Amino acid sequence: MKDTNDNNGEFPIARVHRSILQILDESEGIQGMKATGIVRRIDDLGRVVIPKEIRRTLRIREGDPLEIFVDRDGEVILKKYSPISELGDFAKEYAEALFDSLGQPVLICDRDVYIAVAGVSKKEYMNKSVSPLVEKAMEDRNSILHTEEGEVELVDGMTETLKSYTIGPIVANGDPIGAVIILSREKTLGEVEHKAVETAASFLARQMEQ
């Protein structure tokens, strides 16, 4: 993708800032913008700092990949890049296959939201933000099998009662990019389901590394 400069060879800084908000805050839509009055200058290496408040609100973490786009008006647009979202329909089909095989609801998420749901209401999970519990499992890069019934938060801000759940982080090239989750409201999950999420996570990671 080529760089777009203005007539003075400088990037339009205000437009860069507005575009970051325009694209990254998906709840506002592609046309939505939020004016903050914040202006940041680009340094001699072409870097611009995204304010901490914006990074926190939009859940941009250190090391997160961002795609760079330019439009006809000379705006530079930054968009959060989700490697696993490229799998698209494949992830949905894989979740459906796991559900058909195990008979338990299956969720697949990237670092931020759920991208595939099978065996449970999609309205409850699809495109909803993952909870700190799921984020920690991804960061720790370790699978979890929880067998005690209780209140659990898989979607950020939504508590539900589960009998059991298991989480397998998807780790590609050493970086966590998502997770596979099997949950149950009636049955205590065991090693079969635990191994299933680990296998699924490993398989999806390999697909991303190819």
Foldseek 3Di string as FASTA:
>chain_A
DDAFAPPVRAAPQVLQLQQAQQALVPVQPNPGTDDDPDTFGQDPVRDTDDDPVVCVVSVPDVPFDWDWDADPVRHIHTYGDQLLCVCQVVVQVVQQVVCVVPVFWKWKWWLFFTRYTPDDDCVVGHRAGAAVVQNVCLVVQDKDKFQPWDWDGGGHPDIDTFRIKIKHFQAAPRHTTIIMMTTHRPDGDDPVVNVVRNVVSPVSNVVSND
